[in-house]
Amino acid sequence: MKVIYEDSKILVIYKKAGQLTQSGKNFDVDLTSEVLNYRKKKGEDVYAALINRLDRQVSGLVLFAKTKAEAGRLSKQMQQGGFNKQYYGWICGKPKDNKGSLVDFLKKDEKSNTSMVVTEDESGAKRAELEYEVIKTVEVASDGESTETQYLSLVRIHLITGRHHQIRVQFASRGCPLLGDGKYGEAGAVSVQDARNLCNIRVGRQEIALCAYSLEVDGNVYTVLPEWFSEN
C-alpha cells in the first residue's frame, strides 16, 4: 500500500491495477482492508470510509476518510461535484478531435455489471460528461491486406461526472476503447501484447491502461504517475 498523503482526517492511497478497492466475493486482500490494518498497526481508530472507487483493473488515487464526520462531509462534496479528478489513459485509435468533451446518457445493467449509452428519455439513464485532450498518438501496425493503420493515443481526461464505467464506455462507444479493456473493447482493438512489443507501452495483462493520476480535494492537489507512463 502506497500512502500519498495522510493527516488526522484523510488518507490518499495509490491503488495498483488488479486490486479491489473494497471486498468482493473472493478472498483477495482489498485496499480498504489494507487501510484498516494500517491504522490498527499505528494504534489508531480502526475506521476508514471509502470516498471514491476505482475499477479493479484501473490504477490511481483513492481517498479515505478517518472519521465519520469527515466521511459525511467528503461524500456530500463529491456528490456535488466538488472533486477535480484527472486521468491518463491509452485508447485504441484516434479521436476525431484532439481536444473536446464527451456527453452521453448511460444506463447500468446490474446483472452483467456493464453500462451502455442510451437515449436521454430511457428509464434509468444518467448524464455522463468528461473532457479530454490527446497528448500524443503513436502508430502501432499496418494491416498487410489494406492501407488501414492502427493507432494508440495517450489522452488526459477530466472526469466531470462519476458514472459506472463511464470513461471506458464513452470512449468505446466512439470506436476508441481503452487499451486492455476486454469488457468494452471492440474487434480490431490493439492488444496489450502488441502495445508492449511494438510501442513499449508496458501495461499488465489484467490491467486497463487507465490511471486516476490527480485528485483535488479542498484546494489541495494530489498526484501520481501510472507505472506505464514513464516508459513513453
C-alpha atoms as a PDB file:
ATOM      1  CA  MET A   1       0.000   0.000   0.000  1.00  0.00           C
ATOM      2  CA  LYS A   2       1.445   3.351  -1.061  1.00  0.00           C
ATOM      3  CA  VAL A   3       0.405   6.350   1.039  1.00  0.00           C
ATOM      4  CA  ILE A   4       0.453   9.571  -0.999  1.00  0.00           C
ATOM      5  CA  TYR A   5      -0.849  11.852   1.755  1.00  0.00           C
ATOM      6  CA  GLU A   6      -2.075  11.496   5.316  1.00  0.00           C
ATOM      7  CA  ASP A   7      -3.258  13.761   8.094  1.00  0.00           C
ATOM      8  CA  SER A   8      -5.652  13.429  11.038  1.00  0.00           C
ATOM      9  CA  LYS A   9      -8.734  13.358   8.789  1.00  0.00           C
ATOM     10  CA  ILE A  10      -7.901  11.753   5.441  1.00  0.00           C
ATOM     11  CA  LEU A  11      -5.707   9.253   3.643  1.00  0.00           C
ATOM     12  CA  VAL A  12      -4.871   9.389  -0.075  1.00  0.00           C
ATOM     13  CA  ILE A  13      -3.691   5.993  -1.314  1.00  0.00           C
ATOM     14  CA  TYR A  14      -2.304   4.811  -4.650  1.00  0.00           C
ATOM     15  CA  LYS A  15      -4.142   1.667  -5.755  1.00  0.00           C
ATOM     16  CA  LYS A  16      -2.349  -0.622  -8.169  1.00  0.00           C
ATOM     17  CA  ALA A  17      -4.252  -2.174 -11.051  1.00  0.00           C
ATOM     18  CA  GLY A  18      -5.605  -5.610 -10.173  1.00  0.00           C
ATOM     19  CA  GLN A  19      -6.578  -4.838  -6.582  1.00  0.00           C
ATOM     20  CA  LEU A  20     -10.176  -4.473  -5.436  1.00  0.00           C
ATOM     21  CA  THR A  21     -10.993  -1.169  -3.790  1.00  0.00           C
ATOM     22  CA  GLN A  22     -13.446  -2.864  -1.463  1.00  0.00           C
ATOM     23  CA  SER A  23     -14.079  -6.520  -0.612  1.00  0.00           C
ATOM     24  CA  GLY A  24     -15.865  -8.613  -3.211  1.00  0.00           C
ATOM     25  CA  LYS A  25     -16.999 -12.231  -3.422  1.00  0.00           C
ATOM     26  CA  ASN A  26     -13.490 -13.692  -3.236  1.00  0.00           C
ATOM     27  CA  PHE A  27     -10.797 -13.690  -0.583  1.00  0.00           C
ATOM     28  CA  ASP A  28      -8.357 -11.275  -2.244  1.00  0.00           C
ATOM     29  CA  VAL A  29      -6.974  -8.577   0.051  1.00  0.00           C
ATOM     30  CA  ASP A  30      -8.765  -5.365  -0.885  1.00  0.00           C
ATOM     31  CA  LEU A  31      -7.481  -1.829  -0.426  1.00  0.00           C
ATOM     32  CA  THR A  32      -9.984  -0.910   2.306  1.00  0.00           C
ATOM     33  CA  SER A  33      -8.856  -3.870   4.416  1.00  0.00           C
ATOM     34  CA  GLU A  34      -5.233  -2.813   3.963  1.00  0.00           C
ATOM     35  CA  VAL A  35      -6.060   0.697   5.180  1.00  0.00           C
ATOM     36  CA  LEU A  36      -7.865  -0.695   8.251  1.00  0.00           C
ATOM     37  CA  ASN A  37      -4.874  -2.919   9.080  1.00  0.00           C
ATOM     38  CA  TYR A  38      -2.524   0.033   8.535  1.00  0.00           C
ATOM     39  CA  ARG A  39      -4.458   2.159  11.025  1.00  0.00           C
ATOM     40  CA  LYS A  40      -4.651  -0.698  13.528  1.00  0.00           C
ATOM     41  CA  LYS A  41      -0.886  -1.197  13.459  1.00  0.00           C
ATOM     42  CA  LYS A  42      -0.445   2.530  14.132  1.00  0.00           C
ATOM     43  CA  GLY A  43      -2.697   2.285  17.183  1.00  0.00           C
ATOM     44  CA  GLU A  44      -5.378   4.475  15.629  1.00  0.00           C
ATOM     45  CA  ASP A  45      -9.142   4.019  15.456  1.00  0.00           C
ATOM     46  CA  VAL A  46      -9.892   1.152  13.088  1.00  0.00           C
ATOM     47  CA  TYR A  47     -12.125   3.191  10.809  1.00  0.00           C
ATOM     48  CA  ALA A  48     -11.763   4.022   7.118  1.00  0.00           C
ATOM     49  CA  ALA A  49     -14.565   5.293   4.895  1.00  0.00           C
ATOM     50  CA  LEU A  50     -14.032   4.864   1.175  1.00  0.00           C
ATOM     51  CA  ILE A  51     -14.949   8.087  -0.648  1.00  0.00           C
ATOM     52  CA  ASN A  52     -14.177   7.330  -4.311  1.00  0.00           C
ATOM     53  CA  ARG A  53     -13.927   3.983  -6.085  1.00  0.00           C
ATOM     54  CA  LEU A  54     -11.829   2.665  -8.953  1.00  0.00           C
ATOM     55  CA  ASP A  55     -12.452  -0.413 -11.097  1.00  0.00           C
ATOM     56  CA  ARG A  56     -10.260  -3.361 -10.208  1.00  0.00           C
ATOM     57  CA  GLN A  57      -8.230  -3.153 -13.446  1.00  0.00           C
ATOM     58  CA  VAL A  58      -7.653   0.605 -13.049  1.00  0.00           C
ATOM     59  CA  SER A  59      -4.867   2.208 -11.026  1.00  0.00           C
ATOM     60  CA  GLY A  60      -4.803   5.561  -9.289  1.00  0.00           C
ATOM     61  CA  LEU A  61      -5.644   7.673  -6.277  1.00  0.00           C
ATOM     62  CA  VAL A  62      -8.280   6.629  -3.758  1.00  0.00           C
ATOM     63  CA  LEU A  63      -9.486   8.840  -0.924  1.00  0.00           C
ATOM     64  CA  PHE A  64     -10.383   7.572   2.561  1.00  0.00           C
ATOM     65  CA  ALA A  65     -11.866   9.486   5.488  1.00  0.00           C
ATOM     66  CA  LYS A  66     -10.595   8.710   9.002  1.00  0.00           C
ATOM     67  CA  THR A  67     -13.715   9.862  10.850  1.00  0.00           C
ATOM     68  CA  LYS A  68     -17.466   9.578  10.304  1.00  0.00           C
ATOM     69  CA  ALA A  69     -17.845  13.342  10.299  1.00  0.00           C
ATOM     70  CA  GLU A  70     -15.193  13.722   7.603  1.00  0.00           C
ATOM     71  CA  ALA A  71     -16.740  10.875   5.610  1.00  0.00           C
ATOM     72  CA  GLY A  72     -20.092  12.655   5.577  1.00  0.00           C
ATOM     73  CA  ARG A  73     -18.551  15.954   4.550  1.00  0.00           C
ATOM     74  CA  LEU A  74     -16.425  14.488   1.760  1.00  0.00           C
ATOM     75  CA  SER A  75     -19.209  12.275   0.434  1.00  0.00           C
ATOM     76  CA  LYS A  76     -21.504  15.274   0.153  1.00  0.00           C
ATOM     77  CA  GLN A  77     -18.760  17.285  -1.512  1.00  0.00           C
ATOM     78  CA  MET A  78     -18.162  14.539  -4.082  1.00  0.00           C
ATOM     79  CA  GLN A  79     -21.870  14.239  -4.875  1.00  0.00           C
ATOM     80  CA  GLN A  80     -21.952  17.964  -5.567  1.00  0.00           C
ATOM     81  CA  GLY A  81     -19.010  17.713  -7.983  1.00  0.00           C
ATOM     82  CA  GLY A  82     -16.529  19.218  -5.560  1.00  0.00           C
ATOM     83  CA  PHE A  83     -13.606  16.980  -6.543  1.00  0.00           C
ATOM     84  CA  ASN A  84     -11.407  17.573  -9.585  1.00  0.00           C
ATOM     85  CA  LYS A  85     -10.449  14.123 -10.919  1.00  0.00           C
ATOM     86  CA  GLN A  86      -7.934  13.739 -13.748  1.00  0.00           C
ATOM     87  CA  TYR A  87      -6.936  10.551 -15.555  1.00  0.00           C
ATOM     88  CA  TYR A  88      -4.323   9.374 -18.030  1.00  0.00           C
ATOM     89  CA  GLY A  89      -5.307   6.655 -20.461  1.00  0.00           C
ATOM     90  CA  TRP A  90      -4.191   4.899 -23.628  1.00  0.00           C
ATOM     91  CA  ILE A  91      -7.049   4.479 -26.089  1.00  0.00           C
ATOM     92  CA  CYS A  92      -7.085   2.384 -29.259  1.00  0.00           C
ATOM     93  CA  GLY A  93      -7.407   4.652 -32.286  1.00  0.00           C
ATOM     94  CA  LYS A  94      -7.556   8.427 -32.686  1.00  0.00           C
ATOM     95  CA  PRO A  95     -10.440  10.656 -31.594  1.00  0.00           C
ATOM     96  CA  LYS A  96     -11.951  12.847 -34.279  1.00  0.00           C
ATOM     97  CA  ASP A  97     -10.755  15.946 -32.423  1.00  0.00           C
ATOM     98  CA  ASN A  98      -7.567  16.292 -30.390  1.00  0.00           C
ATOM     99  CA  LYS A  99      -9.435  18.129 -27.662  1.00  0.00           C
ATOM    100  CA  GLY A 100     -13.067  18.177 -26.660  1.00  0.00           C
ATOM    101  CA  SER A 101     -15.827  16.923 -24.402  1.00  0.00           C
ATOM    102  CA  LEU A 102     -17.938  13.770 -24.455  1.00  0.00           C
ATOM    103  CA  VAL A 103     -21.542  13.931 -23.270  1.00  0.00           C
ATOM    104  CA  ASP A 104     -23.795  10.872 -23.169  1.00  0.00           C
ATOM    105  CA  PHE A 105     -26.559   9.256 -21.169  1.00  0.00           C
ATOM    106  CA  LEU A 106     -25.554   5.955 -19.588  1.00  0.00           C
ATOM    107  CA  LYS A 107     -27.580   3.143 -18.103  1.00  0.00           C
ATOM    108  CA  LYS A 108     -26.186   0.401 -15.877  1.00  0.00           C
ATOM    109  CA  ASP A 109     -27.160  -3.247 -16.241  1.00  0.00           C
ATOM    110  CA  GLU A 110     -26.891  -4.712 -12.757  1.00  0.00           C
ATOM    111  CA  LYS A 111     -26.950  -8.328 -13.952  1.00  0.00           C
ATOM    112  CA  SER A 112     -23.983  -8.021 -16.296  1.00  0.00           C
ATOM    113  CA  ASN A 113     -22.264  -5.214 -14.342  1.00  0.00           C
ATOM    114  CA  THR A 114     -21.927  -3.181 -17.538  1.00  0.00           C
ATOM    115  CA  SER A 115     -23.128   0.209 -18.712  1.00  0.00           C
ATOM    116  CA  MET A 116     -24.250   1.367 -22.139  1.00  0.00           C
ATOM    117  CA  VAL A 117     -25.054   4.579 -23.979  1.00  0.00           C
ATOM    118  CA  VAL A 118     -28.816   5.129 -24.187  1.00  0.00           C
ATOM    119  CA  THR A 119     -31.208   7.930 -25.054  1.00  0.00           C
ATOM    120  CA  GLU A 120     -31.933  10.654 -22.530  1.00  0.00           C
ATOM    121  CA  ASP A 121     -35.549   9.602 -22.088  1.00  0.00           C
ATOM    122  CA  GLU A 122     -34.807   5.950 -21.277  1.00  0.00           C
ATOM    123  CA  SER A 123     -35.619   4.857 -17.740  1.00  0.00           C
ATOM    124  CA  GLY A 124     -32.532   4.818 -15.533  1.00  0.00           C
ATOM    125  CA  ALA A 125     -30.453   6.984 -17.894  1.00  0.00           C
ATOM    126  CA  LYS A 126     -27.902   9.262 -16.211  1.00  0.00           C
ATOM    127  CA  ARG A 127     -25.989  12.113 -17.808  1.00  0.00           C
ATOM    128  CA  ALA A 128     -22.241  11.487 -18.231  1.00  0.00           C
ATOM    129  CA  GLU A 129     -19.696  14.130 -19.141  1.00  0.00           C
ATOM    130  CA  LEU A 130     -15.925  14.312 -19.445  1.00  0.00           C
ATOM    131  CA  GLU A 131     -13.305  16.470 -21.132  1.00  0.00           C
ATOM    132  CA  TYR A 132     -10.253  15.055 -22.876  1.00  0.00           C
ATOM    133  CA  GLU A 133      -7.066  16.126 -24.612  1.00  0.00           C
ATOM    134  CA  VAL A 134      -4.842  13.956 -26.805  1.00  0.00           C
ATOM    135  CA  ILE A 135      -1.250  14.202 -25.604  1.00  0.00           C
ATOM    136  CA  LYS A 136       0.246  12.099 -28.380  1.00  0.00           C
ATOM    137  CA  THR A 137      -0.593   9.403 -30.899  1.00  0.00           C
ATOM    138  CA  VAL A 138       1.643   6.506 -31.946  1.00  0.00           C
ATOM    139  CA  GLU A 139       1.358   4.156 -34.911  1.00  0.00           C
ATOM    140  CA  VAL A 140       1.156   0.503 -33.931  1.00  0.00           C
ATOM    141  CA  ALA A 141       0.994  -1.551 -37.110  1.00  0.00           C
ATOM    142  CA  SER A 142      -0.291  -1.631 -40.656  1.00  0.00           C
ATOM    143  CA  ASP A 143      -2.693  -4.238 -41.960  1.00  0.00           C
ATOM    144  CA  GLY A 144      -0.954  -6.131 -44.736  1.00  0.00           C
ATOM    145  CA  GLU A 145      -4.178  -6.517 -46.707  1.00  0.00           C
ATOM    146  CA  SER A 146      -5.169  -2.849 -46.638  1.00  0.00           C
ATOM    147  CA  THR A 147      -3.830   0.635 -46.089  1.00  0.00           C
ATOM    148  CA  GLU A 148      -5.510   0.850 -42.671  1.00  0.00           C
ATOM    149  CA  THR A 149      -3.162   1.651 -39.797  1.00  0.00           C
ATOM    150  CA  GLN A 150      -3.735   1.042 -36.099  1.00  0.00           C
ATOM    151  CA  TYR A 151      -3.014   3.780 -33.593  1.00  0.00           C
ATOM    152  CA  LEU A 152      -2.798   4.295 -29.850  1.00  0.00           C
ATOM    153  CA  SER A 153      -3.493   7.707 -28.341  1.00  0.00           C
ATOM    154  CA  LEU A 154      -2.431   8.885 -24.903  1.00  0.00           C
ATOM    155  CA  VAL A 155      -5.187  11.100 -23.500  1.00  0.00           C
ATOM    156  CA  ARG A 156      -5.599  13.255 -20.429  1.00  0.00           C
ATOM    157  CA  ILE A 157      -9.151  13.142 -19.083  1.00  0.00           C
ATOM    158  CA  HIS A 158     -11.046  15.441 -16.743  1.00  0.00           C
ATOM    159  CA  LEU A 159     -13.917  13.441 -15.302  1.00  0.00           C
ATOM    160  CA  ILE A 160     -16.842  15.762 -14.641  1.00  0.00           C
ATOM    161  CA  THR A 161     -19.451  13.187 -13.639  1.00  0.00           C
ATOM    162  CA  GLY A 162     -18.734   9.844 -11.998  1.00  0.00           C
ATOM    163  CA  ARG A 163     -20.872   7.187 -13.648  1.00  0.00           C
ATOM    164  CA  HIS A 164     -20.338   3.422 -13.634  1.00  0.00           C
ATOM    165  CA  HIS A 165     -17.519   2.539 -16.093  1.00  0.00           C
ATOM    166  CA  GLN A 166     -18.019   6.000 -17.593  1.00  0.00           C
ATOM    167  CA  ILE A 167     -14.635   6.637 -19.224  1.00  0.00           C
ATOM    168  CA  ARG A 168     -14.477   3.117 -20.616  1.00  0.00           C
ATOM    169  CA  VAL A 169     -17.990   3.229 -22.088  1.00  0.00           C
ATOM    170  CA  GLN A 170     -17.789   6.720 -23.554  1.00  0.00           C
ATOM    171  CA  PHE A 171     -14.553   6.108 -25.453  1.00  0.00           C
ATOM    172  CA  ALA A 172     -15.535   2.589 -26.528  1.00  0.00           C
ATOM    173  CA  SER A 173     -18.851   3.872 -27.913  1.00  0.00           C
ATOM    174  CA  ARG A 174     -16.817   6.084 -30.256  1.00  0.00           C
ATOM    175  CA  GLY A 175     -14.635   3.258 -31.515  1.00  0.00           C
ATOM    176  CA  CYS A 176     -11.714   4.080 -29.202  1.00  0.00           C
ATOM    177  CA  PRO A 177     -11.753   1.538 -26.338  1.00  0.00           C
ATOM    178  CA  LEU A 178      -9.194   1.706 -23.547  1.00  0.00           C
ATOM    179  CA  LEU A 179      -6.127  -0.447 -24.126  1.00  0.00           C
ATOM    180  CA  GLY A 180      -6.578  -3.751 -22.281  1.00  0.00           C
ATOM    181  CA  ASP A 181     -10.328  -3.340 -21.736  1.00  0.00           C
ATOM    182  CA  GLY A 182     -11.731  -6.747 -22.651  1.00  0.00           C
ATOM    183  CA  LYS A 183     -15.228  -5.870 -21.425  1.00  0.00           C
ATOM    184  CA  TYR A 184     -15.805  -2.927 -23.756  1.00  0.00           C
ATOM    185  CA  GLY A 185     -13.012  -3.422 -26.289  1.00  0.00           C
ATOM    186  CA  GLU A 186     -14.036  -3.899 -29.909  1.00  0.00           C
ATOM    187  CA  ALA A 187     -12.758  -6.304 -32.544  1.00  0.00           C
ATOM    188  CA  GLY A 188      -9.581  -4.853 -34.021  1.00  0.00           C
ATOM    189  CA  ALA A 189      -8.557  -3.057 -30.836  1.00  0.00           C
ATOM    190  CA  VAL A 190      -4.820  -3.030 -30.180  1.00  0.00           C
ATOM    191  CA  SER A 191      -3.752  -5.901 -27.910  1.00  0.00           C
ATOM    192  CA  VAL A 192      -1.742  -5.374 -24.753  1.00  0.00           C
ATOM    193  CA  GLN A 193       0.962  -7.633 -26.196  1.00  0.00           C
ATOM    194  CA  ASP A 194       1.229  -5.606 -29.418  1.00  0.00           C
ATOM    195  CA  ALA A 195       1.363  -2.387 -27.404  1.00  0.00           C
ATOM    196  CA  ARG A 196       4.255  -3.835 -25.412  1.00  0.00           C
ATOM    197  CA  ASN A 197       6.165  -5.337 -28.335  1.00  0.00           C
ATOM    198  CA  LEU A 198       5.646  -2.598 -30.911  1.00  0.00           C
ATOM    199  CA  CYS A 199       5.338   0.566 -28.813  1.00  0.00           C
ATOM    200  CA  ASN A 200       6.972  -0.346 -25.488  1.00  0.00           C
ATOM    201  CA  ILE A 201       3.773   0.537 -23.619  1.00  0.00           C
ATOM    202  CA  ARG A 202       4.037  -1.848 -20.678  1.00  0.00           C
ATOM    203  CA  VAL A 203       0.505  -2.419 -19.456  1.00  0.00           C
ATOM    204  CA  GLY A 204      -0.158  -5.592 -17.464  1.00  0.00           C
ATOM    205  CA  ARG A 205      -2.314  -8.355 -18.926  1.00  0.00           C
ATOM    206  CA  GLN A 206      -5.004  -7.887 -16.266  1.00  0.00           C
ATOM    207  CA  GLU A 207      -4.766  -4.088 -16.406  1.00  0.00           C
ATOM    208  CA  ILE A 208      -6.659  -1.390 -18.257  1.00  0.00           C
ATOM    209  CA  ALA A 209      -4.428   1.493 -19.389  1.00  0.00           C
ATOM    210  CA  LEU A 210      -6.296   3.991 -17.236  1.00  0.00           C
ATOM    211  CA  CYS A 211      -4.997   5.747 -14.134  1.00  0.00           C
ATOM    212  CA  ALA A 212      -6.617   8.315 -11.840  1.00  0.00           C
ATOM    213  CA  TYR A 213      -3.421  10.342 -11.547  1.00  0.00           C
ATOM    214  CA  SER A 214      -4.703  13.579  -9.978  1.00  0.00           C
ATOM    215  CA  LEU A 215      -7.242  14.305  -7.264  1.00  0.00           C
ATOM    216  CA  GLU A 216      -8.068  17.765  -5.935  1.00  0.00           C
ATOM    217  CA  VAL A 217      -9.771  17.943  -2.545  1.00  0.00           C
ATOM    218  CA  ASP A 218     -10.358  21.133  -0.547  1.00  0.00           C
ATOM    219  CA  GLY A 219      -7.977  23.042  -2.816  1.00  0.00           C
ATOM    220  CA  ASN A 220      -5.137  20.520  -2.350  1.00  0.00           C
ATOM    221  CA  VAL A 221      -3.951  18.551  -5.382  1.00  0.00           C
ATOM    222  CA  TYR A 222      -2.511  15.042  -5.001  1.00  0.00           C
ATOM    223  CA  THR A 223      -0.805  13.386  -7.961  1.00  0.00           C
ATOM    224  CA  VAL A 224       0.883  10.153  -9.005  1.00  0.00           C
ATOM    225  CA  LEU A 225       2.048   8.742 -12.338  1.00  0.00           C
ATOM    226  CA  PRO A 226       0.923   5.334 -13.606  1.00  0.00           C
ATOM    227  CA  GLU A 227       3.662   2.736 -13.794  1.00  0.00           C
ATOM    228  CA  TRP A 228       3.377   2.616 -17.598  1.00  0.00           C
ATOM    229  CA  PHE A 229       3.630   6.398 -18.071  1.00  0.00           C
ATOM    230  CA  SER A 230       7.409   6.769 -17.747  1.00  0.00           C
ATOM    231  CA  GLU A 231       8.002   4.121 -20.400  1.00  0.00           C
ATOM    232  CA  ASN A 232       6.857   6.522 -23.108  1.00  0.00           C
END
